[in-house]
Amino acid sequence: MAHFSPLRALRPRPSVLTRVRATASVERSVLFFAEDSSDWLHIGPLANHLEEIGYLVLRLTADPKDPVISNHGGLFVGRTVAAANLFLRLPPCVLVTTMTDLDTYHLKRSINDVHYVYVFHSLLSTHRAYRANAFDAYDSILCASPNHLIELETVANLRPRRPQTLYSTGYCRLDT
């Protein structure tokens, strides 16, 4: 049976999924997901603010060396396959991330009712710097510039896609 142990490493550890489920079951809770530590420059201030006003925040990371694990009680969710498995099994919750192309490559939407929120990590144009469907799988998008809002509204009028709520929020790297 020892030859199966590497396969077990591909699945999210029960403690990770258990903690995610426990956090998601709390009414005022939000999950944040970062592919690596640099993502926290963009979503970290939002996570901190939500904690300050009474939300329960759980930080998830796909980077085993992410300082958020030791500094903020974050959870390492595993690399590509383990993270993909966790994403498919996320319980109903709100998940905030700065990762484009959700549901396009390895990270898919959950089989459960998860509200996905995208936070821009760049001020670049959505039609010049990103793939055509990069934002289609998100339920809400926090637009960092007026151009993001205009471009995403234009795309919504040009082709059918999931209904989205767009918010003009600014860019935290400049606004904080």
N, C-alpha and C. Protein backbone atom coordinates (compact mmCIF):
# COMPACT_ATOMS: atom_id res chain seq x y z
N MET A 1 0.80 -1.20 0.00
CA MET A 1 0.00 0.00 0.00
C MET A 1 0.85 1.27 0.00
N ALA A 2 2.13 1.16 0.29
CA ALA A 2 2.98 2.34 0.37
C ALA A 2 3.04 3.08 -0.96
N HIS A 3 2.84 2.37 -2.08
CA HIS A 3 2.92 3.03 -3.38
C HIS A 3 1.73 3.95 -3.63
N PHE A 4 0.69 3.93 -2.81
CA PHE A 4 -0.45 4.82 -2.97
C PHE A 4 -0.31 6.12 -2.18
N SER A 5 0.68 6.21 -1.30
CA SER A 5 0.81 7.41 -0.48
C SER A 5 0.98 8.70 -1.29
N PRO A 6 1.70 8.71 -2.42
CA PRO A 6 1.75 9.95 -3.20
C PRO A 6 0.38 10.38 -3.72
N LEU A 7 -0.50 9.42 -3.98
CA LEU A 7 -1.84 9.78 -4.44
C LEU A 7 -2.63 10.50 -3.36
N ARG A 8 -2.43 10.12 -2.13
CA ARG A 8 -3.13 10.78 -1.02
C ARG A 8 -2.74 12.25 -0.93
N ALA A 9 -1.53 12.57 -1.30
CA ALA A 9 -1.07 13.96 -1.23
C ALA A 9 -1.80 14.85 -2.23
N LEU A 10 -2.43 14.26 -3.23
CA LEU A 10 -3.14 15.04 -4.23
C LEU A 10 -4.49 15.53 -3.73
N ARG A 11 -5.05 14.86 -2.75
CA ARG A 11 -6.34 15.25 -2.19
C ARG A 11 -6.13 16.29 -1.09
N PRO A 12 -7.08 17.24 -0.96
CA PRO A 12 -6.94 18.17 0.16
C PRO A 12 -6.96 17.39 1.48
N ARG A 13 -6.11 17.78 2.39
CA ARG A 13 -6.10 17.11 3.69
C ARG A 13 -7.44 17.35 4.37
N PRO A 14 -7.97 16.35 5.06
CA PRO A 14 -9.27 16.52 5.71
C PRO A 14 -9.32 17.74 6.61
N SER A 15 -8.20 18.07 7.25
CA SER A 15 -8.21 19.24 8.13
C SER A 15 -8.46 20.53 7.36
N VAL A 16 -7.95 20.63 6.13
CA VAL A 16 -8.18 21.81 5.30
C VAL A 16 -9.65 21.90 4.93
N LEU A 17 -10.20 20.82 4.38
CA LEU A 17 -11.60 20.83 3.97
C LEU A 17 -12.52 21.02 5.18
N THR A 18 -12.18 20.42 6.29
CA THR A 18 -12.99 20.58 7.51
C THR A 18 -12.98 22.03 7.97
N ARG A 19 -11.82 22.65 7.95
CA ARG A 19 -11.74 24.06 8.38
C ARG A 19 -12.45 24.98 7.40
N VAL A 20 -12.35 24.69 6.10
CA VAL A 20 -13.06 25.48 5.10
C VAL A 20 -14.57 25.36 5.33
N ARG A 21 -15.05 24.15 5.53
CA ARG A 21 -16.48 23.95 5.77
C ARG A 21 -16.94 24.66 7.04
N ALA A 22 -16.14 24.57 8.09
CA ALA A 22 -16.50 25.22 9.36
C ALA A 22 -16.58 26.73 9.20
N THR A 23 -15.62 27.31 8.49
CA THR A 23 -15.62 28.75 8.28
C THR A 23 -16.79 29.16 7.40
N ALA A 24 -17.03 28.42 6.33
CA ALA A 24 -18.11 28.75 5.40
C ALA A 24 -19.48 28.67 6.05
N SER A 25 -19.61 27.88 7.10
CA SER A 25 -20.91 27.73 7.75
C SER A 25 -21.26 28.93 8.64
N VAL A 26 -20.29 29.77 8.94
CA VAL A 26 -20.53 30.97 9.75
C VAL A 26 -21.12 32.04 8.84
N GLU A 27 -22.16 32.73 9.33
CA GLU A 27 -22.90 33.66 8.47
C GLU A 27 -22.04 34.77 7.86
N ARG A 28 -21.27 35.48 8.64
CA ARG A 28 -20.46 36.58 8.11
C ARG A 28 -19.03 36.08 7.90
N SER A 29 -18.86 35.20 6.92
CA SER A 29 -17.53 34.66 6.65
C SER A 29 -17.19 34.80 5.18
N VAL A 30 -15.92 34.94 4.90
CA VAL A 30 -15.43 35.08 3.53
C VAL A 30 -14.13 34.30 3.41
N LEU A 31 -13.99 33.56 2.32
CA LEU A 31 -12.75 32.85 2.02
C LEU A 31 -11.96 33.67 1.01
N PHE A 32 -10.66 33.72 1.18
CA PHE A 32 -9.77 34.38 0.23
C PHE A 32 -8.79 33.34 -0.27
N PHE A 33 -8.55 33.33 -1.60
CA PHE A 33 -7.62 32.37 -2.18
C PHE A 33 -6.52 33.11 -2.94
N ALA A 34 -5.27 32.74 -2.66
CA ALA A 34 -4.11 33.30 -3.36
C ALA A 34 -3.32 32.17 -4.00
N GLU A 35 -2.92 32.38 -5.24
CA GLU A 35 -2.07 31.39 -5.90
C GLU A 35 -0.66 31.44 -5.33
N ASP A 36 -0.20 32.63 -4.95
CA ASP A 36 1.11 32.78 -4.31
C ASP A 36 1.06 34.01 -3.41
N SER A 37 2.15 34.24 -2.70
CA SER A 37 2.16 35.30 -1.69
C SER A 37 1.96 36.70 -2.28
N SER A 38 2.32 36.91 -3.53
CA SER A 38 2.17 38.25 -4.11
C SER A 38 0.70 38.65 -4.28
N ASP A 39 -0.20 37.69 -4.33
CA ASP A 39 -1.63 38.01 -4.46
C ASP A 39 -2.16 38.78 -3.26
N TRP A 40 -1.54 38.60 -2.10
CA TRP A 40 -2.02 39.28 -0.89
C TRP A 40 -1.82 40.78 -0.96
N LEU A 41 -0.94 41.27 -1.85
CA LEU A 41 -0.80 42.71 -2.04
C LEU A 41 -2.12 43.30 -2.52
N HIS A 42 -2.91 42.51 -3.22
CA HIS A 42 -4.15 42.99 -3.83
C HIS A 42 -5.39 42.61 -3.03
N ILE A 43 -5.40 41.43 -2.46
CA ILE A 43 -6.59 40.99 -1.72
C ILE A 43 -6.41 41.07 -0.21
N GLY A 44 -5.18 41.20 0.25
CA GLY A 44 -4.90 41.28 1.68
C GLY A 44 -5.57 42.46 2.38
N PRO A 45 -5.48 43.68 1.81
CA PRO A 45 -6.15 44.81 2.47
C PRO A 45 -7.66 44.62 2.60
N LEU A 46 -8.27 44.00 1.62
CA LEU A 46 -9.71 43.72 1.69
C LEU A 46 -10.00 42.70 2.80
N ALA A 47 -9.19 41.65 2.87
CA ALA A 47 -9.36 40.64 3.93
C ALA A 47 -9.20 41.29 5.31
N ASN A 48 -8.19 42.13 5.46
CA ASN A 48 -7.95 42.80 6.74
C ASN A 48 -9.12 43.70 7.12
N HIS A 49 -9.63 44.45 6.15
CA HIS A 49 -10.76 45.35 6.42
C HIS A 49 -12.00 44.58 6.84
N LEU A 50 -12.28 43.48 6.14
CA LEU A 50 -13.45 42.68 6.51
C LEU A 50 -13.32 42.12 7.93
N GLU A 51 -12.11 41.72 8.31
CA GLU A 51 -11.89 41.26 9.68
C GLU A 51 -12.15 42.38 10.69
N GLU A 52 -11.69 43.58 10.34
CA GLU A 52 -11.86 44.73 11.24
C GLU A 52 -13.33 45.05 11.49
N ILE A 53 -14.19 44.78 10.52
CA ILE A 53 -15.62 45.10 10.69
C ILE A 53 -16.44 43.88 11.09
N GLY A 54 -15.75 42.82 11.52
CA GLY A 54 -16.45 41.71 12.14
C GLY A 54 -16.68 40.46 11.31
N TYR A 55 -16.12 40.39 10.12
CA TYR A 55 -16.26 39.17 9.32
C TYR A 55 -15.22 38.14 9.74
N LEU A 56 -15.58 36.89 9.60
CA LEU A 56 -14.63 35.80 9.79
C LEU A 56 -13.96 35.55 8.45
N VAL A 57 -12.65 35.67 8.39
CA VAL A 57 -11.91 35.53 7.14
C VAL A 57 -10.99 34.32 7.24
N LEU A 58 -11.02 33.49 6.20
CA LEU A 58 -10.10 32.37 6.10
C LEU A 58 -9.27 32.56 4.84
N ARG A 59 -7.95 32.59 5.02
CA ARG A 59 -7.03 32.79 3.91
C ARG A 59 -6.52 31.44 3.44
N LEU A 60 -6.68 31.17 2.14
CA LEU A 60 -6.22 29.93 1.53
C LEU A 60 -5.11 30.26 0.55
N THR A 61 -4.11 29.41 0.46
CA THR A 61 -3.00 29.66 -0.46
C THR A 61 -2.53 28.37 -1.11
N ALA A 62 -2.08 28.49 -2.34
CA ALA A 62 -1.50 27.35 -3.05
C ALA A 62 0.03 27.38 -2.98
N ASP A 63 0.55 28.29 -2.18
CA ASP A 63 2.00 28.45 -2.02
C ASP A 63 2.41 27.95 -0.63
N PRO A 64 3.14 26.83 -0.55
CA PRO A 64 3.50 26.29 0.76
C PRO A 64 4.41 27.20 1.58
N LYS A 65 5.07 28.16 0.93
CA LYS A 65 5.96 29.08 1.64
C LYS A 65 5.33 30.45 1.88
N ASP A 66 4.04 30.56 1.65
CA ASP A 66 3.33 31.83 1.81
C ASP A 66 3.34 32.25 3.28
N PRO A 67 3.83 33.46 3.59
CA PRO A 67 3.85 33.93 4.98
C PRO A 67 2.46 34.04 5.61
N VAL A 68 1.42 34.08 4.81
CA VAL A 68 0.06 34.18 5.37
C VAL A 68 -0.27 32.96 6.23
N ILE A 69 0.41 31.84 5.98
CA ILE A 69 0.17 30.62 6.76
C ILE A 69 0.58 30.85 8.22
N SER A 70 1.74 31.43 8.43
CA SER A 70 2.20 31.65 9.81
C SER A 70 1.72 32.97 10.40
N ASN A 71 1.54 34.00 9.57
CA ASN A 71 1.18 35.32 10.09
C ASN A 71 -0.32 35.53 10.29
N HIS A 72 -1.15 34.84 9.52
CA HIS A 72 -2.59 35.07 9.58
C HIS A 72 -3.40 33.79 9.71
N GLY A 73 -2.75 32.69 10.04
CA GLY A 73 -3.48 31.43 10.19
C GLY A 73 -4.01 30.89 8.89
N GLY A 74 -3.37 31.25 7.77
CA GLY A 74 -3.80 30.77 6.46
C GLY A 74 -3.59 29.28 6.31
N LEU A 75 -4.23 28.72 5.32
CA LEU A 75 -4.13 27.28 5.05
C LEU A 75 -3.51 27.03 3.69
N PHE A 76 -2.53 26.16 3.65
CA PHE A 76 -1.98 25.68 2.38
C PHE A 76 -2.94 24.63 1.86
N VAL A 77 -3.50 24.86 0.68
CA VAL A 77 -4.52 23.95 0.14
C VAL A 77 -3.94 22.88 -0.76
N GLY A 78 -2.65 22.96 -1.04
CA GLY A 78 -2.03 21.99 -1.93
C GLY A 78 -1.71 22.62 -3.27
N ARG A 79 -0.97 21.88 -4.04
CA ARG A 79 -0.60 22.36 -5.38
C ARG A 79 -1.75 22.16 -6.35
N THR A 80 -1.46 22.11 -7.61
CA THR A 80 -2.45 22.13 -8.68
C THR A 80 -3.60 21.15 -8.51
N VAL A 81 -3.32 19.88 -8.40
CA VAL A 81 -4.39 18.87 -8.36
C VAL A 81 -5.17 18.97 -7.05
N ALA A 82 -4.48 19.13 -5.94
CA ALA A 82 -5.17 19.24 -4.65
C ALA A 82 -6.03 20.49 -4.59
N ALA A 83 -5.50 21.61 -5.10
CA ALA A 83 -6.28 22.84 -5.12
C ALA A 83 -7.50 22.69 -6.03
N ALA A 84 -7.33 22.03 -7.17
CA ALA A 84 -8.45 21.80 -8.08
C ALA A 84 -9.53 20.96 -7.41
N ASN A 85 -9.12 19.94 -6.70
CA ASN A 85 -10.07 19.08 -5.99
C ASN A 85 -10.81 19.87 -4.91
N LEU A 86 -10.09 20.70 -4.17
CA LEU A 86 -10.73 21.52 -3.14
C LEU A 86 -11.73 22.49 -3.76
N PHE A 87 -11.34 23.14 -4.85
CA PHE A 87 -12.24 24.10 -5.50
C PHE A 87 -13.55 23.43 -5.92
N LEU A 88 -13.47 22.22 -6.44
CA LEU A 88 -14.68 21.50 -6.85
C LEU A 88 -15.59 21.19 -5.66
N ARG A 89 -15.01 21.05 -4.48
CA ARG A 89 -15.76 20.63 -3.30
C ARG A 89 -16.03 21.76 -2.32
N LEU A 90 -15.73 22.99 -2.69
CA LEU A 90 -15.98 24.10 -1.77
C LEU A 90 -17.45 24.10 -1.36
N PRO A 91 -17.72 24.33 -0.09
CA PRO A 91 -19.11 24.42 0.36
C PRO A 91 -19.69 25.78 -0.05
N PRO A 92 -20.99 25.97 0.07
CA PRO A 92 -21.56 27.29 -0.24
C PRO A 92 -20.87 28.37 0.59
N CYS A 93 -20.36 29.40 -0.08
CA CYS A 93 -19.60 30.44 0.59
C CYS A 93 -19.37 31.59 -0.38
N VAL A 94 -18.62 32.59 0.09
CA VAL A 94 -18.12 33.66 -0.76
C VAL A 94 -16.62 33.46 -0.84
N LEU A 95 -16.08 33.42 -2.07
CA LEU A 95 -14.65 33.23 -2.28
C LEU A 95 -14.12 34.41 -3.08
N VAL A 96 -13.10 35.08 -2.55
CA VAL A 96 -12.48 36.23 -3.18
C VAL A 96 -11.10 35.83 -3.66
N THR A 97 -10.77 36.19 -4.90
CA THR A 97 -9.45 35.87 -5.44
C THR A 97 -9.06 36.89 -6.49
N THR A 98 -7.80 36.86 -6.87
CA THR A 98 -7.30 37.71 -7.93
C THR A 98 -6.79 36.85 -9.10
N MET A 99 -7.33 35.65 -9.18
CA MET A 99 -6.93 34.68 -10.21
C MET A 99 -7.90 34.74 -11.38
N THR A 100 -7.39 35.03 -12.56
CA THR A 100 -8.24 35.04 -13.75
C THR A 100 -8.48 33.62 -14.25
N ASP A 101 -9.36 33.49 -15.21
CA ASP A 101 -9.61 32.23 -15.92
C ASP A 101 -10.17 31.12 -15.04
N LEU A 102 -10.93 31.49 -14.02
CA LEU A 102 -11.64 30.48 -13.23
C LEU A 102 -12.53 29.68 -14.16
N ASP A 103 -12.56 28.39 -14.00
CA ASP A 103 -13.40 27.47 -14.77
C ASP A 103 -12.87 27.23 -16.19
N THR A 104 -11.68 27.77 -16.50
CA THR A 104 -11.11 27.57 -17.83
C THR A 104 -10.04 26.49 -17.82
N TYR A 105 -9.19 26.50 -16.83
CA TYR A 105 -8.10 25.54 -16.77
C TYR A 105 -8.33 24.57 -15.61
N HIS A 106 -7.39 24.43 -14.70
CA HIS A 106 -7.49 23.41 -13.66
C HIS A 106 -8.42 23.77 -12.51
N LEU A 107 -8.60 25.05 -12.21
CA LEU A 107 -9.47 25.43 -11.09
C LEU A 107 -10.87 25.75 -11.61
N LYS A 108 -11.81 24.91 -11.23
CA LYS A 108 -13.19 25.00 -11.71
C LYS A 108 -14.10 25.53 -10.60
N ARG A 109 -15.28 25.97 -11.01
CA ARG A 109 -16.30 26.37 -10.04
C ARG A 109 -16.75 25.15 -9.24
N SER A 110 -17.14 25.39 -8.03
CA SER A 110 -17.59 24.32 -7.14
C SER A 110 -18.92 23.73 -7.61
N ILE A 111 -19.17 22.50 -7.21
CA ILE A 111 -20.47 21.88 -7.48
C ILE A 111 -21.53 22.49 -6.57
N ASN A 112 -21.10 23.22 -5.54
CA ASN A 112 -22.02 23.88 -4.61
C ASN A 112 -22.19 25.34 -4.98
N ASP A 113 -23.07 26.02 -4.29
CA ASP A 113 -23.40 27.41 -4.58
C ASP A 113 -22.37 28.35 -3.95
N VAL A 114 -21.31 28.61 -4.67
CA VAL A 114 -20.25 29.51 -4.21
C VAL A 114 -20.37 30.81 -4.99
N HIS A 115 -20.27 31.93 -4.28
CA HIS A 115 -20.28 33.24 -4.93
C HIS A 115 -18.82 33.66 -5.10
N TYR A 116 -18.37 33.73 -6.35
CA TYR A 116 -16.98 34.04 -6.66
C TYR A 116 -16.82 35.53 -6.93
N VAL A 117 -15.84 36.13 -6.26
CA VAL A 117 -15.55 37.56 -6.39
C VAL A 117 -14.14 37.71 -6.93
N TYR A 118 -14.01 38.47 -8.02
CA TYR A 118 -12.69 38.73 -8.60
C TYR A 118 -12.22 40.12 -8.21
N VAL A 119 -10.96 40.23 -7.81
CA VAL A 119 -10.32 41.51 -7.50
C VAL A 119 -9.19 41.70 -8.49
N PHE A 120 -9.19 42.82 -9.19
CA PHE A 120 -8.13 43.07 -10.17
C PHE A 120 -6.78 43.26 -9.49
N HIS A 121 -5.75 42.67 -10.09
CA HIS A 121 -4.38 42.84 -9.60
C HIS A 121 -3.57 43.73 -10.53
N SER A 122 -4.26 44.34 -11.50
CA SER A 122 -3.59 45.17 -12.48
C SER A 122 -4.56 46.24 -12.98
N LEU A 123 -4.02 47.34 -13.44
CA LEU A 123 -4.85 48.39 -14.04
C LEU A 123 -4.92 48.26 -15.55
N LEU A 124 -4.31 47.22 -16.11
CA LEU A 124 -4.30 47.03 -17.55
C LEU A 124 -5.71 46.78 -18.09
N SER A 125 -5.89 47.09 -19.34
CA SER A 125 -7.18 46.90 -20.00
C SER A 125 -7.59 45.43 -20.02
N THR A 126 -8.87 45.17 -19.80
CA THR A 126 -9.36 43.79 -19.79
C THR A 126 -9.29 43.14 -21.16
N HIS A 127 -9.39 43.92 -22.22
CA HIS A 127 -9.35 43.30 -23.55
C HIS A 127 -7.96 43.33 -24.19
N ARG A 128 -7.01 43.96 -23.54
CA ARG A 128 -5.65 43.97 -24.07
C ARG A 128 -4.72 43.01 -23.33
N ALA A 129 -4.98 42.78 -22.06
CA ALA A 129 -4.04 42.02 -21.24
C ALA A 129 -4.56 40.65 -20.79
N TYR A 130 -5.83 40.37 -21.02
CA TYR A 130 -6.42 39.13 -20.52
C TYR A 130 -7.07 38.35 -21.64
N ARG A 131 -7.31 37.06 -21.40
CA ARG A 131 -8.02 36.23 -22.37
C ARG A 131 -9.47 36.69 -22.47
N ALA A 132 -10.10 36.38 -23.58
CA ALA A 132 -11.47 36.86 -23.83
C ALA A 132 -12.46 36.43 -22.74
N ASN A 133 -12.30 35.24 -22.19
CA ASN A 133 -13.24 34.73 -21.19
C ASN A 133 -12.67 34.75 -19.77
N ALA A 134 -11.66 35.54 -19.53
CA ALA A 134 -10.92 35.51 -18.26
C ALA A 134 -11.79 35.78 -17.04
N PHE A 135 -12.88 36.53 -17.21
CA PHE A 135 -13.70 36.94 -16.06
C PHE A 135 -15.10 36.35 -16.09
N ASP A 136 -15.39 35.51 -17.07
CA ASP A 136 -16.76 35.02 -17.28
C ASP A 136 -17.31 34.18 -16.14
N ALA A 137 -16.49 33.51 -15.38
CA ALA A 137 -16.98 32.58 -14.35
C ALA A 137 -17.23 33.27 -13.00
N TYR A 138 -16.98 34.56 -12.92
CA TYR A 138 -17.14 35.27 -11.65
C TYR A 138 -18.55 35.83 -11.51
N ASP A 139 -19.03 35.86 -10.27
CA ASP A 139 -20.35 36.40 -9.97
C ASP A 139 -20.29 37.90 -9.71
N SER A 140 -19.21 38.34 -9.08
CA SER A 140 -18.99 39.76 -8.80
C SER A 140 -17.55 40.11 -9.15
N ILE A 141 -17.37 41.33 -9.64
CA ILE A 141 -16.03 41.79 -9.99
C ILE A 141 -15.82 43.16 -9.38
N LEU A 142 -14.73 43.31 -8.64
CA LEU A 142 -14.36 44.59 -8.06
C LEU A 142 -13.43 45.29 -9.04
N CYS A 143 -13.95 46.26 -9.76
CA CYS A 143 -13.22 46.92 -10.84
C CYS A 143 -12.27 47.96 -10.27
N ALA A 144 -11.02 47.89 -10.69
CA ALA A 144 -9.98 48.77 -10.16
C ALA A 144 -9.93 50.12 -10.86
N SER A 145 -10.56 50.22 -12.03
CA SER A 145 -10.55 51.48 -12.76
C SER A 145 -11.87 51.65 -13.51
N PRO A 146 -12.20 52.87 -13.88
CA PRO A 146 -13.41 53.08 -14.68
C PRO A 146 -13.37 52.32 -16.00
N ASN A 147 -12.17 52.15 -16.55
CA ASN A 147 -12.04 51.41 -17.81
C ASN A 147 -12.45 49.95 -17.64
N HIS A 148 -12.11 49.33 -16.53
CA HIS A 148 -12.52 47.95 -16.29
C HIS A 148 -14.04 47.85 -16.32
N LEU A 149 -14.69 48.77 -15.65
CA LEU A 149 -16.16 48.77 -15.59
C LEU A 149 -16.76 48.91 -16.99
N ILE A 150 -16.27 49.87 -17.75
CA ILE A 150 -16.78 50.11 -19.10
C ILE A 150 -16.53 48.91 -20.00
N GLU A 151 -15.33 48.37 -19.96
CA GLU A 151 -14.99 47.23 -20.83
C GLU A 151 -15.81 45.99 -20.49
N LEU A 152 -15.99 45.70 -19.21
CA LEU A 152 -16.76 44.52 -18.83
C LEU A 152 -18.25 44.69 -19.14
N GLU A 153 -18.77 45.90 -18.99
CA GLU A 153 -20.17 46.15 -19.37
C GLU A 153 -20.34 45.99 -20.88
N THR A 154 -19.38 46.45 -21.65
CA THR A 154 -19.43 46.32 -23.11
C THR A 154 -19.43 44.85 -23.51
N VAL A 155 -18.57 44.06 -22.91
CA VAL A 155 -18.51 42.63 -23.21
C VAL A 155 -19.84 41.96 -22.87
N ALA A 156 -20.43 42.34 -21.74
CA ALA A 156 -21.71 41.76 -21.33
C ALA A 156 -22.81 42.06 -22.35
N ASN A 157 -22.73 43.19 -23.02
CA ASN A 157 -23.72 43.54 -24.04
C ASN A 157 -23.44 42.87 -25.38
N LEU A 158 -22.21 42.45 -25.61
CA LEU A 158 -21.84 41.86 -26.89
C LEU A 158 -22.05 40.35 -26.97
N ARG A 159 -21.91 39.67 -25.86
CA ARG A 159 -22.07 38.21 -25.89
C ARG A 159 -22.68 37.71 -24.59
N PRO A 160 -23.41 36.61 -24.70
CA PRO A 160 -24.04 36.08 -23.49
C PRO A 160 -23.01 35.48 -22.54
N ARG A 161 -23.23 35.69 -21.28
CA ARG A 161 -22.39 35.10 -20.24
C ARG A 161 -23.12 35.17 -18.91
N ARG A 162 -22.53 34.59 -17.92
CA ARG A 162 -23.13 34.55 -16.58
C ARG A 162 -23.43 35.97 -16.10
N PRO A 163 -24.59 36.19 -15.48
CA PRO A 163 -24.87 37.53 -14.94
C PRO A 163 -23.83 37.89 -13.87
N GLN A 164 -23.36 39.10 -13.94
CA GLN A 164 -22.33 39.55 -13.01
C GLN A 164 -22.72 40.89 -12.40
N THR A 165 -22.24 41.12 -11.20
CA THR A 165 -22.38 42.42 -10.57
C THR A 165 -21.00 43.06 -10.58
N LEU A 166 -20.93 44.26 -11.15
CA LEU A 166 -19.66 44.97 -11.25
C LEU A 166 -19.66 46.12 -10.25
N TYR A 167 -18.56 46.26 -9.52
CA TYR A 167 -18.42 47.32 -8.54
C TYR A 167 -17.20 48.16 -8.88
N SER A 168 -17.33 49.46 -8.82
CA SER A 168 -16.20 50.35 -9.02
C SER A 168 -15.58 50.60 -7.64
N THR A 169 -14.45 49.96 -7.38
CA THR A 169 -13.88 49.99 -6.03
C THR A 169 -12.53 50.68 -5.94
N GLY A 170 -11.85 50.88 -7.03
CA GLY A 170 -10.51 51.44 -6.97
C GLY A 170 -9.46 50.35 -6.89
N TYR A 171 -8.23 50.78 -6.85
CA TYR A 171 -7.08 49.88 -6.86
C TYR A 171 -6.36 50.01 -5.53
N CYS A 172 -6.37 48.97 -4.73
CA CYS A 172 -5.87 49.07 -3.35
C CYS A 172 -4.39 49.45 -3.28
N ARG A 173 -3.61 49.13 -4.28
CA ARG A 173 -2.18 49.48 -4.24
C ARG A 173 -1.99 51.00 -4.31
N LEU A 174 -2.97 51.70 -4.88
CA LEU A 174 -2.90 53.16 -4.96
C LEU A 174 -3.75 53.83 -3.89
N ASP A 175 -4.81 53.16 -3.47
CA ASP A 175 -5.79 53.78 -2.58
C ASP A 175 -5.49 53.60 -1.10
N THR A 176 -4.53 52.72 -0.74
CA THR A 176 -4.27 52.51 0.69
C THR A 176 -2.95 53.11 1.10
